[in-house]
Amino acid sequence: MVPLILTLESDCPWSTNFLDPEGDVLYETRTYFQGDTNYTAIRNDKEEIIGTLRWKETLPDEIMLKGSKFKSIAGWLKKSWIPMNYTVALKDDTGRGYVWTGNAPGLKLQLYTAEDKKKTTPIATYNNSFLISNTNPSGHPSSPQSPPTRVLATLELTERAQEIRDLVVTSFVVLEKGKKTEHGNMSARMAGGVAMANPGKDLRKVIAGRYKIIIQQAWVYKRASGQPWAVFSPIGAPDMADDLTTSLVV
């Protein structure tokens, strides 16, 4: 069995489609507000809900897997207590163990079997989306420039991971959602600081100006180092600007 590469149409794991190489939707996530919180439903290609995530503000989120009731994700996805060790352990229905690594903002999520103690062969890997600069071939500054092209994020599953595909996708959505929202909360605090430092000003313009400076600095470093643009724009910088502006209206 060849590796399966799922392409995510959106960088928001709680609201996206997971496409197979033929472009068909194998999984979809949709989030809706009910009562006093958000719920994220994860569906497979048969329109069956394989998991529902209930968002929490202070306590860990809760998950309801197929045929079960809501329970804290802390009991299902067991985070390591070792400092700076961003791993999460879980088991499948038969008791086989797995470990996600990279469960922190800026790190790559990868899934290993529990038997792979040295973490040498991941069975699932999440690759962030990134930008590719469409550089003008002529190099003339007056020539029109095309906007950067975004390469969509992917979730790669080996043959071993495809045995537990539902579990891989569900646990990935939960963990990546946690990483994204944690980053968003940090951005919201940053936006609050911008608001206090710029009373009475259009905050979107202030944030856009700061984001422009970040990009300009990246371009300066790019030209000095000779590295490709994609090195400096995986997903962090665009996400930071989006999170900052979004946090002003949510």
Protein backbone atom coordinates (compact mmCIF):
# COMPACT_ATOMS: atom_id res chain seq x y z
CA MET A 1 0.00 0.00 0.00
CA VAL A 2 1.42 3.36 -1.02
CA PRO A 3 1.49 6.28 1.43
CA LEU A 4 -1.69 8.33 1.53
CA ILE A 5 -1.33 12.10 1.29
CA LEU A 6 -4.33 14.09 2.48
CA THR A 7 -4.44 17.75 1.45
CA LEU A 8 -6.12 20.26 3.74
CA GLU A 9 -8.11 22.94 1.95
CA SER A 10 -7.79 25.29 4.92
CA ASP A 11 -5.23 25.90 7.64
CA CYS A 12 -8.00 25.77 10.25
CA PRO A 13 -8.16 22.10 11.29
CA TRP A 14 -11.59 22.68 12.82
CA SER A 15 -13.11 23.81 9.50
CA THR A 16 -11.60 22.16 6.45
CA ASN A 17 -11.77 19.29 3.98
CA PHE A 18 -9.18 16.52 3.81
CA LEU A 19 -8.75 15.62 0.13
CA ASP A 20 -7.22 12.42 -1.24
CA PRO A 21 -4.83 12.53 -4.26
CA GLU A 22 -7.85 12.36 -6.63
CA GLY A 23 -9.43 15.42 -5.02
CA ASP A 24 -12.21 13.53 -3.25
CA VAL A 25 -13.16 14.48 0.31
CA LEU A 26 -12.16 11.71 2.73
CA TYR A 27 -12.78 13.74 5.88
CA GLU A 28 -14.34 17.06 6.73
CA THR A 29 -14.47 19.16 9.87
CA ARG A 30 -17.13 21.74 10.61
CA THR A 31 -17.49 23.90 13.72
CA TYR A 32 -20.73 25.39 15.01
CA PHE A 33 -21.75 27.31 18.12
CA GLN A 34 -24.35 25.83 20.43
CA GLY A 35 -25.28 26.80 23.97
CA ASP A 36 -22.21 28.54 25.28
CA THR A 37 -19.38 26.94 23.33
CA ASN A 38 -18.11 25.62 19.98
CA TYR A 39 -18.48 22.06 18.74
CA THR A 40 -16.31 20.57 15.98
CA ALA A 41 -17.74 17.58 14.10
CA ILE A 42 -15.35 15.27 12.22
CA ARG A 43 -16.97 13.27 9.41
CA ASN A 44 -15.61 10.56 7.13
CA ASP A 45 -16.39 10.03 3.45
CA LYS A 46 -19.56 8.14 4.42
CA GLU A 47 -20.92 11.24 6.18
CA GLU A 48 -20.53 9.45 9.52
CA ILE A 49 -19.46 11.53 12.51
CA ILE A 50 -16.38 9.78 13.91
CA GLY A 51 -15.68 12.39 16.56
CA THR A 52 -17.09 15.56 18.09
CA LEU A 53 -14.90 18.04 19.94
CA ARG A 54 -16.43 20.29 22.58
CA TRP A 55 -14.32 23.39 23.15
CA LYS A 56 -13.53 24.54 26.68
CA GLU A 57 -12.18 27.87 27.90
CA THR A 58 -10.19 26.90 30.99
CA LEU A 59 -10.45 23.11 31.28
CA PRO A 60 -9.20 20.72 28.57
CA ASP A 61 -11.51 20.22 25.59
CA GLU A 62 -13.83 17.22 25.57
CA ILE A 63 -14.10 14.58 22.85
CA MET A 64 -16.96 12.24 21.97
CA LEU A 65 -15.77 9.39 19.80
CA LYS A 66 -18.11 7.19 17.79
CA GLY A 67 -20.30 5.15 20.12
CA SER A 68 -19.15 6.86 23.32
CA LYS A 69 -19.90 9.88 25.50
CA PHE A 70 -18.02 13.14 25.98
CA LYS A 71 -14.83 12.82 28.00
CA SER A 72 -11.84 15.04 28.64
CA ILE A 73 -9.16 14.82 25.98
CA ALA A 74 -6.63 14.73 28.83
CA GLY A 75 -7.63 11.13 29.50
CA TRP A 76 -7.48 10.17 25.82
CA LEU A 77 -4.42 12.11 24.66
CA LYS A 78 -1.88 11.87 27.46
CA LYS A 79 0.65 14.69 27.38
CA SER A 80 4.15 14.12 28.70
CA TRP A 81 4.96 15.61 32.12
CA ILE A 82 8.62 16.02 31.16
CA PRO A 83 9.49 19.71 30.58
CA MET A 84 10.17 20.65 26.94
CA ASN A 85 9.01 17.19 25.82
CA TYR A 86 6.04 17.97 23.59
CA THR A 87 4.77 14.42 23.12
CA VAL A 88 1.27 12.97 23.43
CA ALA A 89 0.52 9.27 23.91
CA LEU A 90 -2.63 7.44 22.85
CA LYS A 91 -3.90 3.94 22.10
CA ASP A 92 -6.11 2.39 19.44
CA ASP A 93 -9.06 0.08 20.05
CA THR A 94 -6.78 -2.97 20.28
CA GLY A 95 -4.48 -1.42 22.86
CA ARG A 96 -1.57 -0.63 20.56
CA GLY A 97 0.25 2.52 21.60
CA TYR A 98 1.27 5.59 19.61
CA VAL A 99 3.05 8.85 20.30
CA TRP A 100 2.57 12.23 18.65
CA THR A 101 5.64 14.48 18.78
CA GLY A 102 5.87 18.21 18.11
CA ASN A 103 2.78 19.21 20.06
CA ALA A 104 3.74 22.87 20.45
CA PRO A 105 3.47 25.98 18.23
CA GLY A 106 6.18 26.05 15.59
CA LEU A 107 6.91 22.30 15.74
CA LYS A 108 5.98 19.59 13.24
CA LEU A 109 3.39 17.05 14.36
CA GLN A 110 4.54 13.49 13.67
CA LEU A 111 3.06 10.19 14.83
CA TYR A 112 5.15 7.17 15.84
CA THR A 113 4.34 3.71 17.12
CA ALA A 114 5.10 3.19 20.80
CA GLU A 115 7.60 0.49 19.81
CA ASP A 116 9.68 3.08 17.95
CA LYS A 117 11.43 4.28 21.10
CA LYS A 118 14.06 6.31 19.23
CA LYS A 119 11.44 8.01 17.02
CA THR A 120 13.19 7.08 13.77
CA THR A 121 10.25 6.30 11.46
CA PRO A 122 7.09 8.42 11.67
CA ILE A 123 3.91 6.77 10.42
CA ALA A 124 2.10 10.11 9.98
CA THR A 125 3.45 13.60 9.36
CA TYR A 126 1.74 16.99 9.14
CA ASN A 127 3.32 19.50 6.78
CA ASN A 128 2.30 23.13 7.23
CA SER A 129 1.22 25.19 4.26
CA PHE A 130 3.78 27.67 2.98
CA LEU A 131 4.29 30.42 0.43
CA ILE A 132 6.39 30.27 -2.71
CA SER A 133 7.53 33.54 -4.20
CA ASN A 134 6.67 34.01 -7.88
CA THR A 135 9.86 35.92 -8.66
CA ASN A 136 9.95 37.90 -11.86
CA PRO A 137 12.30 36.00 -14.24
CA SER A 138 13.66 39.23 -15.72
CA GLY A 139 14.58 40.56 -12.31
CA HIS A 140 13.73 44.08 -13.41
CA PRO A 141 12.18 46.03 -10.51
CA SER A 142 9.64 47.77 -12.76
CA SER A 143 8.26 44.49 -14.13
CA PRO A 144 4.93 43.31 -12.64
CA GLN A 145 5.21 40.83 -9.79
CA SER A 146 2.79 37.99 -9.21
CA PRO A 147 1.54 37.34 -5.66
CA PRO A 148 3.11 34.41 -3.79
CA THR A 149 1.59 30.98 -4.30
CA ARG A 150 0.40 29.08 -1.23
CA VAL A 151 1.17 25.37 -1.11
CA LEU A 152 -1.58 23.69 0.92
CA ALA A 153 -0.90 21.74 4.09
CA THR A 154 -0.79 17.95 3.93
CA LEU A 155 -1.16 15.03 6.31
CA GLU A 156 0.91 12.05 5.13
CA LEU A 157 -0.03 8.56 6.30
CA THR A 158 2.10 5.47 5.79
CA GLU A 159 0.58 2.02 5.33
CA ARG A 160 0.79 1.50 9.09
CA ALA A 161 -1.06 4.75 9.81
CA GLN A 162 -3.79 3.88 7.32
CA GLU A 163 -4.72 0.94 9.55
CA ILE A 164 -5.92 3.52 12.11
CA ARG A 165 -6.82 6.33 9.73
CA ASP A 166 -9.82 7.60 11.69
CA LEU A 167 -7.77 7.72 14.88
CA VAL A 168 -4.92 9.56 13.15
CA VAL A 169 -7.19 12.21 11.64
CA THR A 170 -9.26 12.71 14.79
CA SER A 171 -6.28 13.02 17.13
CA PHE A 172 -4.52 15.31 14.64
CA VAL A 173 -7.52 17.66 14.47
CA VAL A 174 -7.68 17.86 18.27
CA LEU A 175 -3.95 18.53 18.70
CA GLU A 176 -3.56 20.97 15.82
CA LYS A 177 -6.67 22.83 16.95
CA GLY A 178 -5.05 23.21 20.36
CA LYS A 179 -1.83 24.51 18.83
CA LYS A 180 -3.65 27.00 16.61
CA THR A 181 -5.97 28.36 19.29
CA GLU A 182 -3.13 28.66 21.79
CA HIS A 183 -1.27 30.75 19.23
CA GLY A 184 -4.44 32.74 18.59
CA ASN A 185 -4.86 33.52 22.28
CA MET A 186 -1.30 34.79 22.38
CA SER A 187 -2.03 36.96 19.34
CA ALA A 188 -5.14 38.31 21.03
CA ARG A 189 -3.04 39.41 23.99
CA MET A 190 -0.61 41.03 21.57
CA ALA A 191 -3.51 42.82 19.88
CA GLY A 192 -4.65 44.07 23.28
CA GLY A 193 -1.23 45.55 23.82
CA VAL A 194 -1.38 47.24 20.43
CA ALA A 195 -4.77 48.71 21.32
CA MET A 196 -3.49 50.18 24.59
CA ALA A 197 -0.41 51.63 22.90
CA ASN A 198 -2.42 53.15 20.04
CA PRO A 199 -5.63 54.62 21.48
CA GLY A 200 -8.06 56.02 18.94
CA LYS A 201 -6.19 54.59 15.96
CA ASP A 202 -7.31 52.12 13.29
CA LEU A 203 -5.80 48.96 14.76
CA ARG A 204 -5.99 47.05 11.50
CA LYS A 205 -3.73 49.64 9.87
CA VAL A 206 -1.33 49.53 12.82
CA ILE A 207 -1.13 45.73 12.69
CA ALA A 208 -0.83 45.70 8.90
CA GLY A 209 2.04 48.17 9.17
CA ARG A 210 3.87 45.99 11.66
CA TYR A 211 3.27 42.91 9.52
CA LYS A 212 4.70 44.77 6.50
CA ILE A 213 7.84 45.54 8.50
CA ILE A 214 8.21 41.85 9.38
CA ILE A 215 7.97 40.86 5.71
CA GLN A 216 10.41 43.58 4.67
CA GLN A 217 12.90 42.38 7.25
CA ALA A 218 12.50 38.81 5.99
CA TRP A 219 13.19 39.94 2.43
CA VAL A 220 16.35 41.76 3.55
CA TYR A 221 17.59 38.61 5.26
CA LYS A 222 16.59 36.53 2.25
CA ARG A 223 18.64 38.65 -0.12
CA ALA A 224 21.63 38.59 2.23
CA SER A 225 21.52 34.83 2.80
CA GLY A 226 20.42 33.69 -0.64
CA GLN A 227 17.79 31.40 0.87
CA PRO A 228 14.46 30.83 -0.93
CA TRP A 229 11.44 32.83 0.23
CA ALA A 230 9.62 29.70 1.39
CA VAL A 231 12.17 29.35 4.19
CA PHE A 232 10.88 32.55 5.76
CA SER A 233 7.15 32.06 5.30
CA PRO A 234 6.00 28.58 6.34
CA ILE A 235 2.76 29.57 8.06
CA GLY A 236 3.76 31.54 11.13
CA ALA A 237 4.00 35.09 9.79
CA PRO A 238 0.77 35.08 7.73
CA ASP A 239 -1.03 33.31 10.57
CA MET A 240 0.18 35.89 13.06
CA ALA A 241 -1.23 38.75 11.02
CA ASP A 242 -4.50 36.91 10.44
CA ASP A 243 -4.82 36.03 14.13
CA LEU A 244 -4.13 39.60 15.21
CA THR A 245 -6.76 41.09 12.94
CA THR A 246 -9.25 38.32 13.65
CA SER A 247 -8.86 38.77 17.40
CA LEU A 248 -10.09 42.35 17.04
CA VAL A 249 -13.47 41.32 15.72
CA VAL A 250 -14.18 38.00 17.44
